[in-house]
Amino acid sequence: MKTSWVVSMFSAADLNGQTVEFQIPGQHSRIHGVGTFEARQLSGRRVVMRIRFHVSADWAGKNGIVFRVSKEGCHQIETHPDQSVARYRMFA
């Protein structure tokens, strides 16, 4: 998977391992779910981010799907108003 570094108002330490409710455009419809951020810091505010979305083990034999967070998506991250759902939300 290609690495794309983005400038974020959140650091990798803020995001890495935290839950995120997300809604992103898919090929035919929007994809909505709750996943976990995987983030690394390069320097300053440059971060690479992915969301790991866990699916049932019997679905095509996979145990997770990974989405790369784009620059546009990065700017949509905010603290989730309902912390019982997830720590953050990103509706790109």
N, C-alpha and C. Protein backbone atom coordinates (compact mmCIF):
# COMPACT_ATOMS: atom_id res chain seq x y z
N MET A 1 0.85 -1.17 0.00
CA MET A 1 0.00 0.00 0.00
C MET A 1 0.90 1.24 0.00
N LYS A 2 0.60 2.18 -0.87
CA LYS A 2 1.38 3.40 -1.00
C LYS A 2 1.29 4.24 0.28
N THR A 3 2.42 4.82 0.69
CA THR A 3 2.46 5.69 1.86
C THR A 3 2.28 7.13 1.41
N SER A 4 1.28 7.79 1.99
CA SER A 4 1.04 9.20 1.70
C SER A 4 1.10 9.97 3.01
N TRP A 5 2.07 10.85 3.12
CA TRP A 5 2.21 11.65 4.32
C TRP A 5 1.31 12.86 4.21
N VAL A 6 0.59 13.17 5.28
CA VAL A 6 -0.33 14.30 5.30
C VAL A 6 -0.04 15.16 6.53
N VAL A 7 -0.42 16.43 6.46
CA VAL A 7 -0.30 17.33 7.60
C VAL A 7 -1.59 17.21 8.41
N SER A 8 -1.46 16.93 9.69
CA SER A 8 -2.63 16.70 10.53
C SER A 8 -2.58 17.58 11.77
N MET A 9 -3.76 17.98 12.24
CA MET A 9 -3.83 18.71 13.50
C MET A 9 -3.66 17.76 14.69
N PHE A 10 -3.76 16.44 14.43
CA PHE A 10 -3.54 15.43 15.45
C PHE A 10 -2.19 14.77 15.21
N SER A 11 -1.50 14.43 16.28
CA SER A 11 -0.23 13.72 16.14
C SER A 11 -0.49 12.22 16.02
N ALA A 12 0.52 11.49 15.60
CA ALA A 12 0.40 10.03 15.52
C ALA A 12 0.12 9.47 16.91
N ALA A 13 0.71 10.05 17.94
CA ALA A 13 0.47 9.59 19.32
C ALA A 13 -0.99 9.79 19.72
N ASP A 14 -1.63 10.86 19.22
CA ASP A 14 -3.05 11.10 19.51
C ASP A 14 -3.92 10.02 18.88
N LEU A 15 -3.58 9.59 17.66
CA LEU A 15 -4.46 8.74 16.87
C LEU A 15 -4.16 7.24 16.94
N ASN A 16 -2.89 6.88 16.99
CA ASN A 16 -2.51 5.48 16.87
C ASN A 16 -3.20 4.61 17.92
N GLY A 17 -3.91 3.57 17.45
CA GLY A 17 -4.59 2.64 18.33
C GLY A 17 -5.95 3.10 18.81
N GLN A 18 -6.36 4.31 18.45
CA GLN A 18 -7.65 4.84 18.88
C GLN A 18 -8.75 4.43 17.91
N THR A 19 -9.96 4.30 18.43
CA THR A 19 -11.09 3.93 17.59
C THR A 19 -11.59 5.14 16.81
N VAL A 20 -12.15 4.86 15.63
CA VAL A 20 -12.68 5.91 14.77
C VAL A 20 -13.93 5.40 14.06
N GLU A 21 -15.00 6.18 14.14
CA GLU A 21 -16.16 5.91 13.31
C GLU A 21 -15.91 6.63 12.00
N PHE A 22 -16.09 5.95 10.90
CA PHE A 22 -15.77 6.57 9.61
C PHE A 22 -16.87 6.35 8.60
N GLN A 23 -16.91 7.25 7.66
CA GLN A 23 -17.80 7.13 6.49
C GLN A 23 -17.00 7.69 5.33
N ILE A 24 -16.70 6.82 4.37
CA ILE A 24 -15.87 7.21 3.23
C ILE A 24 -16.53 6.77 1.94
N PRO A 25 -16.20 7.43 0.83
CA PRO A 25 -16.77 7.01 -0.45
C PRO A 25 -16.19 5.67 -0.90
N GLY A 26 -17.07 4.78 -1.33
CA GLY A 26 -16.64 3.51 -1.90
C GLY A 26 -16.89 3.53 -3.40
N GLN A 27 -16.63 2.44 -4.07
CA GLN A 27 -16.79 2.37 -5.51
C GLN A 27 -18.25 2.55 -5.93
N HIS A 28 -19.18 1.94 -5.18
CA HIS A 28 -20.60 2.01 -5.55
C HIS A 28 -21.46 2.69 -4.50
N SER A 29 -20.97 2.80 -3.28
CA SER A 29 -21.73 3.44 -2.21
C SER A 29 -20.76 3.87 -1.10
N ARG A 30 -21.27 4.57 -0.12
CA ARG A 30 -20.44 4.99 1.00
C ARG A 30 -20.19 3.82 1.93
N ILE A 31 -19.00 3.77 2.53
CA ILE A 31 -18.62 2.72 3.46
C ILE A 31 -18.64 3.33 4.85
N HIS A 32 -19.36 2.70 5.77
CA HIS A 32 -19.50 3.22 7.12
C HIS A 32 -19.13 2.12 8.10
N GLY A 33 -18.40 2.48 9.15
CA GLY A 33 -18.05 1.49 10.17
C GLY A 33 -17.24 2.11 11.28
N VAL A 34 -16.76 1.26 12.16
CA VAL A 34 -15.87 1.67 13.25
C VAL A 34 -14.60 0.85 13.11
N GLY A 35 -13.47 1.53 13.11
CA GLY A 35 -12.19 0.87 12.97
C GLY A 35 -11.19 1.44 13.96
N THR A 36 -9.93 1.14 13.71
CA THR A 36 -8.84 1.60 14.57
C THR A 36 -7.79 2.31 13.72
N PHE A 37 -7.33 3.47 14.19
CA PHE A 37 -6.28 4.18 13.49
C PHE A 37 -4.94 3.48 13.66
N GLU A 38 -4.16 3.45 12.59
CA GLU A 38 -2.74 3.08 12.63
C GLU A 38 -2.01 4.30 12.10
N ALA A 39 -1.20 4.94 12.92
CA ALA A 39 -0.58 6.20 12.52
C ALA A 39 0.90 6.22 12.89
N ARG A 40 1.69 6.86 12.03
CA ARG A 40 3.13 7.07 12.29
C ARG A 40 3.45 8.53 12.01
N GLN A 41 4.37 9.08 12.77
CA GLN A 41 4.78 10.47 12.63
C GLN A 41 6.09 10.52 11.85
N LEU A 42 6.18 11.44 10.87
CA LEU A 42 7.42 11.63 10.14
C LEU A 42 8.22 12.74 10.80
N SER A 43 7.73 13.96 10.71
CA SER A 43 8.37 15.09 11.36
C SER A 43 7.36 16.21 11.45
N GLY A 44 7.49 17.04 12.45
CA GLY A 44 6.54 18.13 12.61
C GLY A 44 5.13 17.58 12.69
N ARG A 45 4.27 18.04 11.82
CA ARG A 45 2.87 17.61 11.81
C ARG A 45 2.57 16.62 10.70
N ARG A 46 3.61 16.10 10.03
CA ARG A 46 3.39 15.14 8.93
C ARG A 46 3.19 13.74 9.50
N VAL A 47 2.06 13.15 9.12
CA VAL A 47 1.64 11.85 9.66
C VAL A 47 1.17 10.98 8.50
N VAL A 48 1.39 9.69 8.61
CA VAL A 48 0.75 8.75 7.69
C VAL A 48 -0.29 8.00 8.52
N MET A 49 -1.51 7.88 7.97
CA MET A 49 -2.60 7.27 8.71
C MET A 49 -3.32 6.23 7.87
N ARG A 50 -3.74 5.19 8.56
CA ARG A 50 -4.61 4.19 7.95
C ARG A 50 -5.68 3.86 8.97
N ILE A 51 -6.79 3.34 8.49
CA ILE A 51 -7.84 2.83 9.37
C ILE A 51 -7.96 1.34 9.10
N ARG A 52 -7.84 0.55 10.16
CA ARG A 52 -8.06 -0.89 10.02
C ARG A 52 -9.49 -1.16 10.46
N PHE A 53 -10.24 -1.74 9.55
CA PHE A 53 -11.66 -2.02 9.75
C PHE A 53 -11.81 -3.52 9.86
N HIS A 54 -12.19 -4.02 11.02
CA HIS A 54 -12.30 -5.46 11.24
C HIS A 54 -13.65 -5.97 10.77
N VAL A 55 -13.60 -7.07 10.07
CA VAL A 55 -14.82 -7.72 9.58
C VAL A 55 -14.83 -9.15 10.13
N SER A 56 -15.95 -9.80 10.01
CA SER A 56 -16.04 -11.16 10.53
C SER A 56 -15.05 -12.07 9.80
N ALA A 57 -14.52 -13.02 10.51
CA ALA A 57 -13.49 -13.91 9.95
C ALA A 57 -14.02 -14.75 8.80
N ASP A 58 -15.31 -14.97 8.75
CA ASP A 58 -15.85 -15.81 7.68
C ASP A 58 -16.13 -15.03 6.40
N TRP A 59 -15.96 -13.72 6.41
CA TRP A 59 -16.20 -12.90 5.22
C TRP A 59 -14.97 -12.95 4.32
N ALA A 60 -15.03 -13.74 3.28
CA ALA A 60 -13.95 -13.89 2.30
C ALA A 60 -12.62 -14.28 2.95
N GLY A 61 -12.68 -14.86 4.14
CA GLY A 61 -11.46 -15.32 4.80
C GLY A 61 -10.57 -14.20 5.28
N LYS A 62 -11.08 -12.99 5.39
CA LYS A 62 -10.25 -11.86 5.80
C LYS A 62 -10.50 -11.52 7.27
N ASN A 63 -9.50 -10.95 7.90
CA ASN A 63 -9.70 -10.52 9.28
C ASN A 63 -9.64 -9.00 9.41
N GLY A 64 -9.58 -8.30 8.31
CA GLY A 64 -9.59 -6.85 8.37
C GLY A 64 -9.33 -6.23 7.01
N ILE A 65 -9.80 -5.02 6.87
CA ILE A 65 -9.59 -4.24 5.66
C ILE A 65 -8.89 -2.96 6.08
N VAL A 66 -7.94 -2.50 5.29
CA VAL A 66 -7.19 -1.29 5.63
C VAL A 66 -7.49 -0.21 4.60
N PHE A 67 -7.84 0.98 5.09
CA PHE A 67 -8.07 2.15 4.25
C PHE A 67 -6.99 3.18 4.54
N ARG A 68 -6.40 3.71 3.50
CA ARG A 68 -5.44 4.81 3.67
C ARG A 68 -6.22 6.10 3.83
N VAL A 69 -5.83 6.94 4.78
CA VAL A 69 -6.51 8.22 5.01
C VAL A 69 -5.87 9.27 4.11
N SER A 70 -6.68 9.89 3.26
CA SER A 70 -6.20 10.91 2.32
C SER A 70 -6.06 12.25 3.02
N LYS A 71 -5.49 13.20 2.31
CA LYS A 71 -5.36 14.56 2.84
C LYS A 71 -6.74 15.13 3.16
N GLU A 72 -7.70 14.89 2.28
CA GLU A 72 -9.05 15.39 2.50
C GLU A 72 -9.67 14.73 3.73
N GLY A 73 -9.49 13.44 3.86
CA GLY A 73 -10.03 12.72 5.01
C GLY A 73 -9.38 13.16 6.31
N CYS A 74 -8.10 13.42 6.25
CA CYS A 74 -7.35 13.87 7.42
C CYS A 74 -7.95 15.13 8.02
N HIS A 75 -8.43 16.02 7.16
CA HIS A 75 -9.00 17.28 7.64
C HIS A 75 -10.42 17.11 8.17
N GLN A 76 -10.99 15.92 8.05
CA GLN A 76 -12.34 15.66 8.54
C GLN A 76 -12.33 14.95 9.90
N ILE A 77 -11.16 14.68 10.46
CA ILE A 77 -11.08 13.98 11.75
C ILE A 77 -11.43 14.95 12.87
N GLU A 78 -12.28 14.47 13.77
CA GLU A 78 -12.64 15.26 14.94
C GLU A 78 -12.93 14.33 16.10
N THR A 79 -12.91 14.87 17.31
CA THR A 79 -13.27 14.09 18.48
C THR A 79 -14.74 13.71 18.36
N HIS A 80 -15.04 12.46 18.59
CA HIS A 80 -16.43 11.99 18.44
C HIS A 80 -17.28 12.54 19.58
N PRO A 81 -18.47 13.07 19.26
CA PRO A 81 -19.33 13.61 20.32
C PRO A 81 -19.91 12.52 21.24
N ASP A 82 -19.93 11.27 20.78
CA ASP A 82 -20.41 10.16 21.59
C ASP A 82 -19.25 9.19 21.80
N GLN A 83 -18.55 9.36 22.90
CA GLN A 83 -17.36 8.56 23.17
C GLN A 83 -17.65 7.08 23.37
N SER A 84 -18.93 6.71 23.54
CA SER A 84 -19.27 5.29 23.64
C SER A 84 -19.22 4.61 22.27
N VAL A 85 -19.24 5.40 21.19
CA VAL A 85 -19.15 4.86 19.83
C VAL A 85 -17.68 4.71 19.43
N ALA A 86 -16.91 5.79 19.56
CA ALA A 86 -15.50 5.79 19.18
C ALA A 86 -14.85 7.06 19.73
N ARG A 87 -13.53 7.06 19.78
CA ARG A 87 -12.78 8.23 20.25
C ARG A 87 -12.85 9.37 19.24
N TYR A 88 -12.76 9.02 17.94
CA TYR A 88 -12.77 10.02 16.87
C TYR A 88 -13.83 9.65 15.84
N ARG A 89 -14.13 10.60 14.96
CA ARG A 89 -14.96 10.29 13.80
C ARG A 89 -14.37 11.01 12.59
N MET A 90 -14.59 10.41 11.43
CA MET A 90 -14.10 10.97 10.17
C MET A 90 -15.13 10.66 9.11
N PHE A 91 -15.86 11.68 8.70
CA PHE A 91 -16.86 11.53 7.66
C PHE A 91 -16.36 12.30 6.44
N ALA A 92 -15.68 11.60 5.54
CA ALA A 92 -15.08 12.25 4.37
C ALA A 92 -16.03 12.20 3.20
